[in-house]
Protein backbone atom coordinates (compact mmCIF):
# COMPACT_ATOMS: atom_id res chain seq x y z
CA MET A 1 256.15 34.68 114.27
CA ASN A 2 259.88 34.64 113.63
CA ALA A 3 262.36 36.55 115.75
CA ILE A 4 262.86 39.41 113.29
CA ARG A 5 259.13 40.06 112.99
CA TYR A 6 258.76 39.90 116.77
CA ILE A 7 261.53 42.42 117.30
CA LEU A 8 260.00 44.72 114.68
CA LEU A 9 256.59 44.49 116.34
CA ILE A 10 258.02 45.28 119.78
CA SER A 11 259.95 48.22 118.33
CA LEU A 12 256.83 49.61 116.64
CA LEU A 13 254.82 49.30 119.85
CA ALA A 14 257.56 51.07 121.82
CA LEU A 15 257.73 53.83 119.21
CA PHE A 16 253.96 54.23 119.33
CA ALA A 17 254.05 54.46 123.15
CA ILE A 18 256.81 57.10 123.03
CA THR A 19 254.96 59.10 120.38
CA ALA A 20 251.68 58.90 122.27
CA SER A 21 253.43 59.97 125.45
CA ALA A 22 255.07 62.91 123.70
CA GLN A 23 251.74 64.00 122.27
CA ALA A 24 249.84 63.67 125.56
CA PRO A 25 249.04 67.10 127.04
CA ARG A 26 251.11 68.13 130.03
CA ALA A 27 251.20 71.09 132.39
CA LYS A 28 254.33 72.14 134.23
CA ASN A 29 252.32 74.35 136.58
CA ILE A 30 248.67 74.08 137.66
CA ILE A 31 246.96 76.85 139.62
CA VAL A 32 243.40 76.17 140.80
CA MET A 33 241.64 79.28 142.12
CA VAL A 34 238.47 78.69 144.15
CA ALA A 35 236.02 81.47 145.00
CA ASP A 36 234.20 79.59 147.73
CA GLY A 37 230.45 80.14 147.43
CA TRP A 38 230.38 82.06 144.14
CA CYS A 39 228.10 81.73 141.15
CA PHE A 40 227.32 83.69 137.99
CA ASN A 41 225.40 86.33 139.93
CA HIS A 42 228.26 86.96 142.36
CA ILE A 43 230.45 87.80 139.36
CA GLU A 44 227.77 90.04 137.86
CA ALA A 45 227.29 91.94 141.13
CA ALA A 46 231.04 92.58 141.37
CA ASP A 47 231.19 93.54 137.69
CA TYR A 48 228.47 96.13 138.09
CA TYR A 49 230.00 97.58 141.25
CA GLN A 50 233.57 97.67 139.90
CA HIS A 51 232.91 98.59 136.27
CA GLY A 52 229.26 99.42 135.72
CA GLU A 53 229.02 96.69 133.06
CA LEU A 54 229.41 92.94 132.62
CA GLY A 55 232.28 90.94 131.22
CA LYS A 56 235.14 93.07 132.56
CA GLN A 57 236.97 90.54 134.74
CA ILE A 58 240.11 89.11 133.18
CA TYR A 59 238.75 85.56 133.37
CA GLU A 60 235.60 86.67 131.55
CA ARG A 61 237.66 88.31 128.80
CA GLU A 62 240.54 85.88 128.32
CA PHE A 63 239.47 82.46 129.60
CA THR A 64 237.05 79.82 128.29
CA LEU A 65 233.90 79.36 130.36
CA TYR A 66 232.48 75.95 131.26
CA PRO A 67 229.45 75.86 133.58
CA MET A 68 229.97 73.16 136.23
CA SER A 69 227.79 70.93 138.39
CA THR A 70 228.87 70.56 142.01
CA PHE A 71 226.61 68.01 143.78
CA SER A 72 228.17 65.47 146.17
CA VAL A 73 228.01 61.68 145.83
CA ASN A 74 224.41 61.24 146.97
CA GLY A 75 223.13 64.18 144.92
CA SER A 76 222.43 65.01 141.29
CA TYR A 77 221.66 67.91 138.99
CA ASP A 78 218.67 67.90 136.62
CA PRO A 79 219.15 70.46 133.81
CA ALA A 80 215.38 70.61 133.30
CA GLN A 81 215.12 71.99 136.87
CA GLY A 82 217.96 74.50 136.55
CA SER A 83 215.63 77.51 136.82
CA ASN A 84 213.33 76.00 139.45
CA TYR A 85 213.60 78.07 142.63
CA ASP A 86 212.61 75.28 145.04
CA TYR A 87 214.66 72.59 143.30
CA LEU A 88 217.91 74.57 143.56
CA LEU A 89 217.55 74.85 147.34
CA LYS A 90 217.92 71.06 147.73
CA GLY A 91 220.80 68.62 147.35
CA ALA A 92 223.74 71.01 147.58
CA THR A 93 227.29 69.96 148.31
CA ASP A 94 229.42 71.37 151.11
CA SER A 95 232.94 72.73 150.74
CA ALA A 96 234.65 69.61 152.09
CA ALA A 97 233.09 67.24 149.56
CA ALA A 98 233.48 69.74 146.72
CA ALA A 99 237.16 70.43 147.49
CA THR A 100 237.90 66.73 147.81
CA THR A 101 236.27 66.11 144.44
CA MET A 102 238.05 68.96 142.66
CA SER A 103 241.29 67.68 144.13
CA SER A 104 240.85 63.95 143.52
CA GLY A 105 238.22 63.53 140.81
CA VAL A 106 236.15 61.38 143.18
CA LYS A 107 232.62 62.27 144.36
CA THR A 108 232.22 61.89 148.10
CA LEU A 109 230.03 62.56 151.12
CA ASN A 110 229.41 66.00 152.55
CA GLY A 111 231.86 66.67 155.36
CA ALA A 112 234.54 64.29 154.07
CA ILE A 113 238.11 65.55 153.71
CA GLY A 114 240.18 63.58 151.21
CA MET A 115 238.07 60.46 151.80
CA GLY A 116 235.86 58.62 149.33
CA PRO A 117 232.28 57.53 150.03
CA ASP A 118 233.71 54.20 151.24
CA ASN A 119 235.66 56.08 153.93
CA GLN A 120 238.95 55.23 152.26
CA PRO A 121 241.53 57.90 151.40
CA VAL A 122 241.51 59.24 147.84
CA GLU A 123 244.60 60.53 146.07
CA HIS A 124 244.86 64.30 145.87
CA ALA A 125 246.23 65.99 142.76
CA ILE A 126 248.77 67.55 145.12
CA GLU A 127 249.96 64.06 146.06
CA VAL A 128 250.27 63.13 142.39
CA ALA A 129 252.21 66.34 141.81
CA GLU A 130 254.56 65.54 144.67
CA LYS A 131 255.28 62.10 143.21
CA ALA A 132 256.09 63.85 139.93
CA GLY A 133 258.65 66.00 141.76
CA LYS A 134 256.63 69.20 141.75
CA ALA A 135 256.33 71.75 144.54
CA THR A 136 252.85 72.16 146.04
CA GLY A 137 250.85 74.47 148.24
CA VAL A 138 247.53 75.90 149.38
CA VAL A 139 246.50 79.50 150.10
CA THR A 140 243.24 80.73 151.62
CA SER A 141 241.62 83.86 153.03
CA VAL A 142 240.11 81.85 155.91
CA GLN A 143 241.71 79.44 158.41
CA TRP A 144 244.36 77.35 156.64
CA SER A 145 242.94 74.08 158.02
CA HIS A 146 239.40 74.92 156.90
CA ALA A 147 237.42 72.73 154.49
CA THR A 148 238.81 73.81 151.11
CA PRO A 149 242.57 73.80 151.82
CA ALA A 150 242.08 70.68 153.90
CA GLY A 151 240.14 69.05 151.05
CA PHE A 152 243.18 69.45 148.80
CA THR A 153 245.78 68.15 151.27
CA ALA A 154 244.47 66.04 154.15
CA HIS A 155 242.42 62.90 154.86
CA ASP A 156 239.71 62.70 157.52
CA ARG A 157 236.10 61.61 157.70
CA SER A 158 235.05 64.93 159.23
CA ARG A 159 235.93 68.47 158.22
CA GLY A 160 235.37 69.48 161.86
CA GLN A 161 238.52 67.73 163.06
CA TYR A 162 240.50 70.93 162.59
CA GLU A 163 243.28 70.13 165.03
CA ILE A 164 243.95 66.71 163.51
CA ILE A 165 243.70 68.08 159.97
CA ALA A 166 246.12 70.93 160.76
CA GLN A 167 248.59 68.40 162.21
CA GLN A 168 248.32 66.34 159.02
CA MET A 169 248.93 69.37 156.85
CA VAL A 170 252.00 70.37 158.85
CA ASN A 171 253.54 66.98 159.60
CA ASP A 172 252.35 64.60 156.88
CA SER A 173 251.78 66.61 153.71
CA GLY A 174 254.56 67.22 151.20
CA CYS A 175 253.46 70.82 150.66
CA GLU A 176 256.01 73.61 150.56
CA VAL A 177 253.43 76.36 151.12
CA ILE A 178 250.46 76.76 153.47
CA MET A 179 248.92 80.21 153.96
CA GLY A 180 245.80 81.48 155.66
CA ALA A 181 244.19 82.83 158.82
CA GLY A 182 243.37 81.08 162.10
CA ASN A 183 245.99 82.82 164.25
CA PRO A 184 245.26 82.06 167.93
CA ASP A 185 247.28 85.08 169.10
CA TYR A 186 245.08 87.64 167.30
CA ASP A 187 241.39 88.51 167.25
CA ASN A 188 239.16 89.40 164.30
CA GLU A 189 240.27 93.03 164.50
CA GLY A 190 243.90 92.03 164.00
CA GLN A 191 244.69 92.90 167.61
CA PRO A 192 246.94 90.76 169.84
CA ILE A 193 245.08 88.65 172.39
CA LYS A 194 246.33 89.04 175.95
CA ARG A 195 246.05 85.74 177.76
CA LYS A 196 246.32 85.36 181.47
CA HIS A 197 248.43 82.44 182.58
CA VAL A 198 246.07 79.93 184.16
CA LYS A 199 247.37 76.70 185.61
CA LYS A 200 245.80 73.77 183.80
CA VAL A 201 243.71 71.44 185.90
CA GLU A 202 243.33 67.79 184.99
CA GLY A 203 240.04 67.23 183.19
CA SER A 204 239.64 70.89 182.18
CA LYS A 205 238.49 71.72 178.66
CA PRO A 206 241.21 72.43 176.07
CA ASP A 207 241.69 75.92 174.65
CA ASN A 208 239.86 75.67 171.29
CA SER A 209 241.50 78.84 169.97
CA TYR A 210 244.46 76.70 168.90
CA ARG A 211 242.47 74.07 167.00
CA PHE A 212 242.96 75.62 163.53
CA VAL A 213 246.75 75.48 163.91
CA GLY A 214 246.98 71.94 165.26
CA GLY A 215 246.78 72.65 168.98
CA GLU A 216 248.82 74.71 171.42
CA LYS A 217 251.84 72.38 171.28
CA MET A 218 251.91 72.51 167.47
CA TRP A 219 251.58 76.32 167.52
CA LYS A 220 254.60 76.63 169.81
CA ALA A 221 256.58 74.30 167.54
CA LEU A 222 255.64 76.32 164.46
CA LYS A 223 256.72 79.56 166.10
CA ALA A 224 260.00 77.93 167.11
CA GLY A 225 260.60 76.63 163.58
CA LYS A 226 260.59 73.03 164.78
CA ALA A 227 257.41 71.66 163.14
CA GLY A 228 257.19 69.67 159.92
CA GLY A 229 257.92 66.24 158.52
CA ASP A 230 260.00 65.00 155.61
CA CYS A 231 258.62 66.56 152.42
CA ASP A 232 261.41 65.67 149.97
CA GLY A 233 261.97 62.00 150.78
CA ASP A 234 265.51 62.28 152.13
CA GLY A 235 264.55 60.89 155.52
CA LYS A 236 265.16 64.17 157.36
CA PRO A 237 262.50 66.53 158.75
CA ASP A 238 261.86 69.65 156.68
CA HIS A 239 260.77 72.26 159.18
CA TRP A 240 258.42 75.08 158.27
CA LYS A 241 259.46 78.69 158.42
CA MET A 242 256.40 80.52 159.73
CA PHE A 243 255.55 84.15 159.01
CA GLN A 244 252.68 86.22 160.38
CA SER A 245 253.01 89.87 159.41
CA LYS A 246 251.88 91.63 156.25
CA LYS A 247 255.40 92.97 155.71
CA ASP A 248 256.87 89.46 155.80
CA VAL A 249 254.35 88.25 153.21
CA GLN A 250 255.20 91.19 150.96
CA LYS A 251 258.91 90.36 151.27
CA LEU A 252 258.16 86.79 150.17
CA MET A 253 256.74 88.07 146.87
CA GLU A 254 260.24 88.59 145.44
CA GLY A 255 263.74 87.20 145.83
CA LYS A 256 264.95 84.10 147.61
CA THR A 257 262.62 82.30 150.00
CA PRO A 258 262.84 79.52 152.59
CA LYS A 259 262.21 75.97 151.36
CA ARG A 260 258.90 75.63 153.24
CA VAL A 261 256.72 78.59 154.17
CA LEU A 262 253.69 78.59 156.46
CA VAL A 263 251.90 81.93 156.80
CA THR A 264 249.37 82.40 159.58
CA VAL A 265 248.22 86.00 159.19
CA GLU A 266 247.57 88.25 162.17
CA ALA A 267 243.81 87.64 162.30
CA SER A 268 241.64 85.01 163.91
CA GLU A 269 239.10 83.86 161.32
CA THR A 270 239.54 85.58 157.97
CA LEU A 271 241.65 88.20 156.25
CA GLN A 272 238.92 90.85 156.35
CA VAL A 273 235.31 89.68 156.34
CA SER A 274 235.12 89.00 160.10
CA ARG A 275 236.17 92.51 161.14
CA LYS A 276 233.61 94.76 162.84
CA GLY A 277 231.23 96.77 160.73
CA ILE A 278 229.68 100.20 161.08
CA ASP A 279 227.71 100.02 164.35
CA ASP A 280 228.72 96.32 164.37
CA LYS A 281 226.20 95.52 161.62
CA ARG A 282 228.34 93.90 158.95
CA GLU A 283 225.35 92.79 156.89
CA ASP A 284 224.33 96.39 156.18
CA ASP A 285 227.80 97.78 155.45
CA PRO A 286 228.48 99.24 152.01
CA PRO A 287 231.76 97.91 150.57
CA PHE A 288 234.92 99.27 152.24
CA GLN A 289 233.04 101.65 154.58
CA ALA A 290 234.46 99.90 157.63
CA PRO A 291 238.27 100.35 157.55
CA LEU A 292 240.20 97.28 156.39
CA LEU A 293 242.67 95.65 158.77
CA SER A 294 246.01 97.25 157.97
CA ASN A 295 248.19 94.44 159.33
CA VAL A 296 246.79 91.70 157.07
CA PRO A 297 248.00 90.94 153.52
CA THR A 298 245.64 90.77 150.57
CA LEU A 299 244.86 87.55 148.73
CA PRO A 300 246.84 88.75 145.65
CA GLU A 301 249.89 89.34 147.86
CA MET A 302 249.60 85.88 149.39
CA ALA A 303 249.14 84.31 145.95
CA LEU A 304 252.27 85.93 144.54
CA ALA A 305 254.26 85.11 147.68
CA ALA A 306 253.22 81.46 147.40
CA ILE A 307 254.16 81.30 143.71
CA ASN A 308 257.54 82.88 144.45
CA VAL A 309 258.26 80.05 146.89
CA LEU A 310 257.02 77.30 144.58
CA ASP A 311 258.43 78.42 141.23
CA GLU A 312 261.97 77.63 142.36
CA ASP A 313 261.23 73.99 141.56
CA PRO A 314 262.40 73.19 138.00
CA ASP A 315 259.71 70.50 137.74
CA GLY A 316 256.94 73.04 138.29
CA PHE A 317 254.21 73.28 140.91
CA TYR A 318 250.55 72.72 141.84
CA LEU A 319 248.88 75.49 143.85
CA MET A 320 245.34 75.95 145.15
CA ILE A 321 244.30 79.54 146.00
CA GLU A 322 240.97 80.07 147.78
CA GLY A 323 238.94 83.21 148.22
CA GLY A 324 237.23 81.47 151.10
CA ALA A 325 235.42 84.42 152.62
CA VAL A 326 233.14 84.94 149.61
CA ASP A 327 231.28 82.04 151.21
CA TRP A 328 231.41 83.54 154.71
CA ALA A 329 229.92 86.81 153.48
CA SER A 330 227.24 84.95 151.52
CA HIS A 331 226.30 82.79 154.52
CA ALA A 332 225.87 86.02 156.50
CA ASN A 333 223.94 87.62 153.60
CA ALA A 334 226.38 90.53 153.95
CA THR A 335 226.06 92.21 150.56
CA GLY A 336 228.88 94.74 150.91
CA ARG A 337 231.32 92.24 152.39
CA MET A 338 230.56 89.84 149.53
CA ILE A 339 231.49 92.55 147.02
CA GLU A 340 234.72 93.21 148.94
CA GLU A 341 235.68 89.55 148.89
CA MET A 342 234.88 89.18 145.19
CA ILE A 343 237.05 92.21 144.40
CA ASP A 344 239.96 90.74 146.39
CA TYR A 345 239.54 87.39 144.63
CA ASN A 346 239.34 89.06 141.22
CA ALA A 347 242.55 90.94 142.01
CA ALA A 348 244.21 87.64 142.91
CA VAL A 349 243.26 86.22 139.51
CA GLU A 350 244.70 89.35 137.86
CA ALA A 351 247.94 88.86 139.81
CA VAL A 352 248.22 85.20 138.82
CA VAL A 353 247.56 85.96 135.15
CA GLY A 354 250.20 88.69 135.34
CA TRP A 355 252.70 86.20 136.75
CA VAL A 356 252.01 83.71 133.96
CA ASN A 357 252.44 86.39 131.29
CA LYS A 358 255.68 87.68 132.81
CA ASN A 359 257.37 84.60 134.26
CA SER A 360 255.86 81.54 132.60
CA SER A 361 253.69 80.89 129.55
CA TRP A 362 250.23 79.55 128.75
CA GLU A 363 251.90 76.61 127.00
CA GLU A 364 253.27 75.34 130.32
CA THR A 365 250.81 76.69 132.92
CA LEU A 366 247.11 75.89 133.42
CA VAL A 367 244.95 78.27 135.46
CA VAL A 368 241.48 77.17 136.59
CA VAL A 369 239.19 79.88 138.03
CA THR A 370 236.10 78.44 139.68
CA GLY A 371 234.19 77.86 142.93
CA ASP A 372 233.00 74.92 144.97
CA HIS A 373 229.26 75.71 145.10
CA GLU A 374 226.88 78.65 145.18
CA CYS A 375 226.04 80.18 148.56
CA GLY A 376 223.27 82.58 149.56
CA PHE A 377 220.99 82.10 146.52
CA LEU A 378 221.99 85.51 145.17
CA LEU A 379 219.30 86.83 142.80
CA GLY A 380 217.78 90.01 141.48
CA PRO A 381 215.12 91.83 143.54
CA GLY A 382 211.77 90.08 143.84
CA SER A 383 213.02 86.68 142.71
CA LYS A 384 210.50 84.12 143.84
CA PRO A 385 209.57 81.91 142.11
CA GLU A 386 211.09 83.54 139.01
CA LEU A 387 214.90 83.90 139.05
CA LYS A 388 215.34 87.57 138.17
CA PRO A 389 218.63 89.20 137.06
CA ILE A 390 220.91 91.50 139.03
CA VAL A 391 220.13 95.20 138.46
CA ASN A 392 222.95 97.50 137.33
CA ASN A 393 222.97 100.77 139.30
CA GLY A 394 226.22 102.07 137.83
CA LYS A 395 229.90 101.90 138.70
CA GLY A 396 230.60 102.41 142.40
CA ASN A 397 226.98 101.86 143.38
CA MET A 398 225.58 98.73 144.97
CA PRO A 399 223.75 96.74 142.29
CA GLY A 400 220.22 95.57 142.93
CA PHE A 401 220.28 92.06 144.35
CA GLU A 402 219.07 90.02 147.31
CA PHE A 403 220.20 86.94 149.16
CA HIS A 404 217.43 84.37 149.37
CA TYR A 405 219.10 81.73 151.52
CA LYS A 406 221.68 81.37 154.29
CA SER A 407 223.43 78.33 152.89
CA HIS A 408 224.46 76.51 149.70
CA THR A 409 222.38 75.82 146.60
CA ASN A 410 222.65 73.27 143.81
CA GLN A 411 223.10 75.65 140.88
CA LEU A 412 225.60 75.26 138.09
CA ILE A 413 228.56 77.53 138.81
CA PRO A 414 231.16 78.99 136.42
CA CYS A 415 234.53 77.39 135.72
CA PHE A 416 236.97 79.42 133.60
CA VAL A 417 240.11 77.78 132.20
CA LYS A 418 243.15 78.92 130.26
CA GLY A 419 246.51 77.44 129.42
CA ALA A 420 248.23 74.08 129.14
CA GLY A 421 245.76 71.24 128.61
CA SER A 422 242.70 73.48 128.87
CA ASP A 423 241.26 71.94 125.69
CA LEU A 424 240.59 68.77 127.73
CA PHE A 425 237.71 70.56 129.42
CA ALA A 426 235.86 70.84 126.10
CA GLY A 427 235.85 67.06 125.81
CA ALA A 428 234.56 66.76 129.37
CA ALA A 429 231.54 69.02 128.74
CA LYS A 430 229.15 66.21 127.83
CA ASN A 431 225.92 67.33 129.50
CA GLU A 432 223.63 70.13 128.31
CA ASP A 433 221.74 72.72 130.32
CA PRO A 434 218.95 74.65 128.53
CA LYS A 435 220.18 77.99 129.95
CA ARG A 436 223.95 77.53 130.31
CA GLY A 437 224.69 75.11 127.48
CA LYS A 438 227.22 72.28 127.72
CA TYR A 439 228.67 71.86 131.19
CA ILE A 440 231.32 69.90 133.06
CA ASP A 441 231.24 68.31 136.52
CA ASN A 442 233.58 69.13 139.40
CA THR A 443 235.13 65.66 139.09
CA ASP A 444 236.63 66.83 135.79
CA ILE A 445 238.94 69.34 137.50
CA GLY A 446 240.63 66.62 139.57
CA LEU A 447 240.74 64.07 136.76
CA ILE A 448 242.15 66.51 134.20
CA ALA A 449 244.73 67.91 136.63
CA LYS A 450 245.99 64.40 137.42
CA LYS A 451 246.18 63.57 133.72
CA LEU A 452 248.21 66.69 133.03
CA ILE A 453 250.60 65.94 135.91
CA GLN A 454 251.24 62.25 135.25
CA PRO A 455 254.70 61.57 133.78
């Protein structure tokens, strides 16, 4: 090959690479919204209660639905068994493995946070986004170091290492936003905790109330504005500005914001689901009969506050928003609280869609609305062994349904997508379920997000 031909060949290959790169789908912003513990029937129950009919949520009307399998690395899903009551009770994932997989695209062991089945760290989509110069963050309605936000940001073999995970999120992650509950200074009623000063004795047990915020020393540093590592690579620490009150979160929804924001709301476990019920029986409460905590922001408010911090970055952002207490209510088989949490999550999706329509576009932003697994085996009345449908009792009335389990099941769950690169999900739907049709796997969320972020 002579020199001229060689040069021409190299030029053609370079042109092809540039063209292919230009044609490759990209997303400036990616927002992954996780309703922890939801499934098709959770949506239907909320639909009936809110609207008296199905298909009214914005993601049902405007997004594309892909059913999704959720099993962890040692599990599987057999479409032929998708309506088998006993089969669906076995082999379910937990939130840690599911979050890690949706973040990284790698199946892993139950309980693992950002670690593969070989106990080696996997790369989070957030970490890919940070390398691409994007702003990143996580928002949740439960403790901010709990399994799902941790599974998108941290690395540990055990989800139970809350203190270590919280320290990683604060000191080692490149996130600009972390929001959630877990406040050691407040109880589940949103009331300040009065602690008596007790002199520590060597060998005494540590105060576990601080574990979700990285320990007592970390909590003091956060309150003093002196916690946080280098998130922008300039070699200098980037300290977090912490907020706690509902009013402060609402102020963050508009205008200028600090560079890094960590919100620890004024409640111990969750935004609302852990508050007392009527006669202390949360499981029997109709939705909203027990007064909501007035000092705690809603999930939509936190979502918009987080976006307002992140959208200052001209390179875009990656944000995970979790309605984590859908799972808590389902574990407790608390029907009314589950409806409450679904309504709050649905409102958060509405708020995010509104932001895209007003401040961005669907050509540059991808929104994924999904869950991590089903919880509670929510079915219509009398469902065993037949899986019966939810009963519509009209708008504002509790639909007819029952929880049949206290933990997770191995059902296909819904994944709704809209926006930049969303057509990639169609290509990923390679398996077929006789009831739900073609479905994706939770690995596809992580793999597609990374593909859309890569420069």
